[in-house]
Amino acid sequence: MKWHAPSERTQLILLSPVIAVAAIAALWFLPIAGLFWLDDKWRVRQAAKGWHPWLAWRPVKVGEWWAKDRRWVWLETVERRVRKYGDGYDYRLPGAEA
C-alpha cells in the first residue's frame, strides 16, 4: 500500500489542540501588549508637557526624593512631570523651583 499525506481535514483535527492553545495565548497576550504600547505613548505625551497642573486624586509625596521634609498631598492641585530616569512621576507644589 502506497503512503499518502493526510487530508487537510485530518491535519486540522490533529492540530486543533495546538490551535486552541495558541488562540487562548493570543487572547491573553494581545491586550497586555496593547496596554504596554498605550502606556508608552501616554508617557511620551506626558514627558513632552514638562511640569503641568494635576489634581492629586490620590495621596502623593511632594518634594525631592532625598529631602527629609517631604509631605503628603491629597485632593489638591500640584504640578507633575514624568521622571527622567526610572519609572513614575515627580510632584511639586505650584510655583516651586524644579
N, C-alpha and C. Protein backbone atom coordinates (compact mmCIF):
# COMPACT_ATOMS: atom_id res chain seq x y z
N MET A 1 0.84 -1.16 0.00
CA MET A 1 0.00 0.00 0.00
C MET A 1 0.89 1.24 0.00
N LYS A 2 0.57 2.15 -0.88
CA LYS A 2 1.37 3.35 -1.04
C LYS A 2 0.93 4.39 -0.02
N TRP A 3 1.93 5.06 0.59
CA TRP A 3 1.62 6.09 1.60
C TRP A 3 1.16 7.36 0.91
N HIS A 4 0.19 8.05 1.52
CA HIS A 4 -0.23 9.35 1.02
C HIS A 4 -0.42 10.27 2.22
N ALA A 5 -0.25 11.54 1.99
CA ALA A 5 -0.35 12.54 3.06
C ALA A 5 -1.78 12.60 3.58
N PRO A 6 -1.93 12.91 4.89
CA PRO A 6 -3.28 13.03 5.43
C PRO A 6 -4.01 14.20 4.79
N SER A 7 -5.31 14.09 4.76
CA SER A 7 -6.10 15.15 4.14
C SER A 7 -6.04 16.42 5.01
N GLU A 8 -6.50 17.51 4.44
CA GLU A 8 -6.49 18.79 5.17
C GLU A 8 -7.39 18.70 6.40
N ARG A 9 -8.47 17.99 6.28
CA ARG A 9 -9.39 17.83 7.41
C ARG A 9 -8.70 17.07 8.54
N THR A 10 -7.99 16.01 8.22
CA THR A 10 -7.27 15.24 9.24
C THR A 10 -6.17 16.08 9.88
N GLN A 11 -5.47 16.87 9.07
CA GLN A 11 -4.43 17.75 9.62
C GLN A 11 -5.03 18.76 10.59
N LEU A 12 -6.19 19.32 10.23
CA LEU A 12 -6.86 20.28 11.10
C LEU A 12 -7.28 19.63 12.42
N ILE A 13 -7.78 18.43 12.35
CA ILE A 13 -8.19 17.71 13.57
C ILE A 13 -6.97 17.42 14.44
N LEU A 14 -5.86 17.03 13.83
CA LEU A 14 -4.66 16.73 14.60
C LEU A 14 -4.06 17.99 15.23
N LEU A 15 -4.17 19.11 14.56
CA LEU A 15 -3.59 20.36 15.07
C LEU A 15 -4.56 21.17 15.92
N SER A 16 -5.78 20.74 16.09
CA SER A 16 -6.76 21.54 16.83
C SER A 16 -6.34 21.84 18.28
N PRO A 17 -5.71 20.92 19.02
CA PRO A 17 -5.26 21.30 20.37
C PRO A 17 -4.21 22.41 20.34
N VAL A 18 -3.32 22.36 19.38
CA VAL A 18 -2.29 23.40 19.26
C VAL A 18 -2.92 24.73 18.88
N ILE A 19 -3.87 24.70 17.98
CA ILE A 19 -4.55 25.93 17.56
C ILE A 19 -5.34 26.52 18.73
N ALA A 20 -5.98 25.67 19.53
CA ALA A 20 -6.75 26.16 20.67
C ALA A 20 -5.84 26.83 21.70
N VAL A 21 -4.72 26.22 22.02
CA VAL A 21 -3.78 26.80 22.98
C VAL A 21 -3.22 28.11 22.44
N ALA A 22 -2.89 28.16 21.16
CA ALA A 22 -2.37 29.40 20.55
C ALA A 22 -3.42 30.51 20.58
N ALA A 23 -4.67 30.17 20.35
CA ALA A 23 -5.73 31.18 20.38
C ALA A 23 -5.92 31.72 21.80
N ILE A 24 -5.89 30.85 22.79
CA ILE A 24 -6.03 31.31 24.18
C ILE A 24 -4.85 32.19 24.57
N ALA A 25 -3.64 31.80 24.17
CA ALA A 25 -2.46 32.61 24.47
C ALA A 25 -2.56 33.97 23.78
N ALA A 26 -3.05 34.02 22.56
CA ALA A 26 -3.18 35.29 21.84
C ALA A 26 -4.23 36.17 22.51
N LEU A 27 -5.34 35.58 22.96
CA LEU A 27 -6.36 36.37 23.65
C LEU A 27 -5.84 36.95 24.96
N TRP A 28 -4.90 36.27 25.60
CA TRP A 28 -4.32 36.76 26.85
C TRP A 28 -3.21 37.77 26.59
N PHE A 29 -2.38 37.52 25.57
CA PHE A 29 -1.18 38.32 25.34
C PHE A 29 -1.46 39.63 24.62
N LEU A 30 -2.31 39.63 23.62
CA LEU A 30 -2.53 40.83 22.81
C LEU A 30 -3.07 42.02 23.60
N PRO A 31 -4.06 41.86 24.48
CA PRO A 31 -4.49 43.03 25.26
C PRO A 31 -3.39 43.57 26.17
N ILE A 32 -2.58 42.69 26.75
CA ILE A 32 -1.50 43.14 27.62
C ILE A 32 -0.45 43.90 26.82
N ALA A 33 -0.11 43.39 25.64
CA ALA A 33 0.85 44.09 24.78
C ALA A 33 0.29 45.44 24.36
N GLY A 34 -1.00 45.50 24.10
CA GLY A 34 -1.63 46.77 23.73
C GLY A 34 -1.58 47.77 24.87
N LEU A 35 -1.75 47.30 26.11
CA LEU A 35 -1.68 48.20 27.26
C LEU A 35 -0.27 48.76 27.43
N PHE A 36 0.76 47.94 27.22
CA PHE A 36 2.13 48.45 27.30
C PHE A 36 2.38 49.49 26.22
N TRP A 37 1.86 49.25 25.03
CA TRP A 37 2.03 50.21 23.93
C TRP A 37 1.34 51.53 24.28
N LEU A 38 0.11 51.46 24.81
CA LEU A 38 -0.61 52.67 25.19
C LEU A 38 0.11 53.40 26.32
N ASP A 39 0.67 52.66 27.28
CA ASP A 39 1.39 53.28 28.38
C ASP A 39 2.61 54.03 27.87
N ASP A 40 3.34 53.45 26.92
CA ASP A 40 4.49 54.14 26.34
C ASP A 40 4.07 55.42 25.62
N LYS A 41 3.00 55.35 24.86
CA LYS A 41 2.50 56.54 24.16
C LYS A 41 2.09 57.61 25.17
N TRP A 42 1.42 57.21 26.24
CA TRP A 42 0.97 58.15 27.26
C TRP A 42 2.16 58.83 27.94
N ARG A 43 3.20 58.04 28.27
CA ARG A 43 4.36 58.60 28.96
C ARG A 43 5.13 59.56 28.05
N VAL A 44 5.22 59.28 26.76
CA VAL A 44 5.88 60.19 25.83
C VAL A 44 5.11 61.50 25.76
N ARG A 45 3.79 61.41 25.72
CA ARG A 45 2.96 62.62 25.66
C ARG A 45 3.08 63.43 26.94
N GLN A 46 3.09 62.75 28.08
CA GLN A 46 3.22 63.44 29.36
C GLN A 46 4.61 64.07 29.50
N ALA A 47 5.65 63.38 29.02
CA ALA A 47 7.01 63.92 29.13
C ALA A 47 7.16 65.18 28.29
N ALA A 48 6.47 65.26 27.18
CA ALA A 48 6.56 66.46 26.33
C ALA A 48 5.93 67.67 27.01
N LYS A 49 5.00 67.45 27.92
CA LYS A 49 4.35 68.56 28.61
C LYS A 49 5.24 69.21 29.65
N GLY A 50 6.20 68.48 30.20
CA GLY A 50 7.01 69.00 31.28
C GLY A 50 6.17 69.10 32.55
N TRP A 51 6.42 70.14 33.36
CA TRP A 51 5.61 70.36 34.56
C TRP A 51 4.24 70.85 34.13
N HIS A 52 3.19 70.19 34.60
CA HIS A 52 1.83 70.59 34.26
C HIS A 52 0.93 70.38 35.47
N PRO A 53 -0.14 71.18 35.58
CA PRO A 53 -1.05 71.03 36.72
C PRO A 53 -1.74 69.67 36.71
N TRP A 54 -1.92 69.13 37.90
CA TRP A 54 -2.54 67.82 38.04
C TRP A 54 -3.26 67.78 39.38
N LEU A 55 -4.49 67.28 39.40
CA LEU A 55 -5.22 67.13 40.64
C LEU A 55 -4.77 65.84 41.32
N ALA A 56 -4.24 65.96 42.51
CA ALA A 56 -3.77 64.79 43.26
C ALA A 56 -4.99 64.04 43.81
N TRP A 57 -5.60 63.23 42.99
CA TRP A 57 -6.79 62.48 43.39
C TRP A 57 -6.44 61.32 44.30
N ARG A 58 -5.16 61.04 44.43
CA ARG A 58 -4.67 60.02 45.36
C ARG A 58 -3.52 60.64 46.13
N PRO A 59 -3.17 60.12 47.30
CA PRO A 59 -2.06 60.71 48.06
C PRO A 59 -0.74 60.57 47.32
N VAL A 60 -0.01 61.68 47.21
CA VAL A 60 1.31 61.68 46.59
C VAL A 60 2.27 62.45 47.47
N LYS A 61 3.56 62.10 47.40
CA LYS A 61 4.58 62.82 48.16
C LYS A 61 5.13 63.95 47.30
N VAL A 62 5.16 65.14 47.87
CA VAL A 62 5.62 66.32 47.16
C VAL A 62 7.03 66.64 47.63
N GLY A 63 7.92 66.95 46.70
CA GLY A 63 9.28 67.33 47.03
C GLY A 63 10.28 66.37 46.43
N GLU A 64 11.54 66.68 46.61
CA GLU A 64 12.62 65.84 46.09
C GLU A 64 12.68 64.54 46.89
N TRP A 65 13.07 63.47 46.26
CA TRP A 65 13.03 62.17 46.91
C TRP A 65 14.01 62.07 48.06
N TRP A 66 15.09 62.86 48.04
CA TRP A 66 16.09 62.77 49.11
C TRP A 66 15.79 63.73 50.27
N ALA A 67 14.86 64.65 50.10
CA ALA A 67 14.57 65.63 51.14
C ALA A 67 13.84 64.99 52.31
N LYS A 68 14.19 65.40 53.51
CA LYS A 68 13.55 64.84 54.71
C LYS A 68 12.21 65.50 54.99
N ASP A 69 11.97 66.68 54.42
CA ASP A 69 10.73 67.40 54.71
C ASP A 69 9.65 67.16 53.65
N ARG A 70 9.70 66.02 52.99
CA ARG A 70 8.65 65.70 52.02
C ARG A 70 7.34 65.55 52.75
N ARG A 71 6.25 65.92 52.08
CA ARG A 71 4.95 65.80 52.72
C ARG A 71 3.95 65.19 51.74
N TRP A 72 2.91 64.62 52.32
CA TRP A 72 1.85 64.01 51.53
C TRP A 72 0.83 65.07 51.15
N VAL A 73 0.33 64.99 49.93
CA VAL A 73 -0.70 65.90 49.44
C VAL A 73 -1.81 65.04 48.84
N TRP A 74 -3.05 65.46 49.10
CA TRP A 74 -4.18 64.71 48.59
C TRP A 74 -5.32 65.67 48.31
N LEU A 75 -5.97 65.52 47.17
CA LEU A 75 -7.08 66.34 46.73
C LEU A 75 -6.70 67.82 46.64
N GLU A 76 -5.51 68.09 46.17
CA GLU A 76 -5.02 69.44 45.89
C GLU A 76 -4.43 69.44 44.50
N THR A 77 -4.32 70.63 43.91
CA THR A 77 -3.67 70.75 42.62
C THR A 77 -2.16 70.88 42.83
N VAL A 78 -1.41 69.99 42.19
CA VAL A 78 0.05 70.01 42.24
C VAL A 78 0.56 70.03 40.81
N GLU A 79 1.86 70.19 40.65
CA GLU A 79 2.46 70.07 39.33
C GLU A 79 3.16 68.73 39.24
N ARG A 80 3.09 68.12 38.08
CA ARG A 80 3.61 66.78 37.89
C ARG A 80 4.38 66.71 36.58
N ARG A 81 5.40 65.86 36.55
CA ARG A 81 6.12 65.57 35.31
C ARG A 81 6.61 64.12 35.36
N VAL A 82 6.92 63.59 34.19
CA VAL A 82 7.46 62.24 34.10
C VAL A 82 8.90 62.27 34.54
N ARG A 83 9.31 61.28 35.34
CA ARG A 83 10.71 61.22 35.78
C ARG A 83 11.63 61.00 34.60
N LYS A 84 12.79 61.64 34.64
CA LYS A 84 13.75 61.48 33.56
C LYS A 84 14.37 60.09 33.59
N TYR A 85 14.62 59.59 34.78
CA TYR A 85 15.22 58.27 34.93
C TYR A 85 14.30 57.42 35.79
N GLY A 86 14.10 56.21 35.40
CA GLY A 86 13.24 55.33 36.18
C GLY A 86 11.79 55.50 35.80
N ASP A 87 10.96 54.93 36.62
CA ASP A 87 9.52 54.93 36.37
C ASP A 87 8.83 55.90 37.31
N GLY A 88 7.70 56.38 36.94
CA GLY A 88 6.90 57.20 37.83
C GLY A 88 6.94 58.67 37.49
N TYR A 89 6.53 59.48 38.47
CA TYR A 89 6.38 60.91 38.27
C TYR A 89 7.04 61.67 39.42
N ASP A 90 7.40 62.92 39.17
CA ASP A 90 7.83 63.86 40.20
C ASP A 90 6.69 64.82 40.44
N TYR A 91 6.53 65.22 41.70
CA TYR A 91 5.45 66.14 42.08
C TYR A 91 6.05 67.33 42.81
N ARG A 92 5.45 68.49 42.63
CA ARG A 92 5.84 69.68 43.37
C ARG A 92 4.62 70.58 43.53
N LEU A 93 4.71 71.48 44.51
CA LEU A 93 3.64 72.43 44.69
C LEU A 93 3.70 73.48 43.58
N PRO A 94 2.58 74.04 43.18
CA PRO A 94 2.59 75.02 42.09
C PRO A 94 3.51 76.20 42.41
N GLY A 95 4.32 76.56 41.43
CA GLY A 95 5.23 77.70 41.59
C GLY A 95 6.55 77.36 42.24
N ALA A 96 6.76 76.15 42.71
CA ALA A 96 8.02 75.78 43.35
C ALA A 96 9.11 75.63 42.30
N GLU A 97 10.37 75.79 42.73
CA GLU A 97 11.50 75.62 41.82
C GLU A 97 11.74 74.14 41.56
N ALA A 98 12.18 73.82 40.35
CA ALA A 98 12.43 72.43 39.96
C ALA A 98 13.75 71.95 40.50
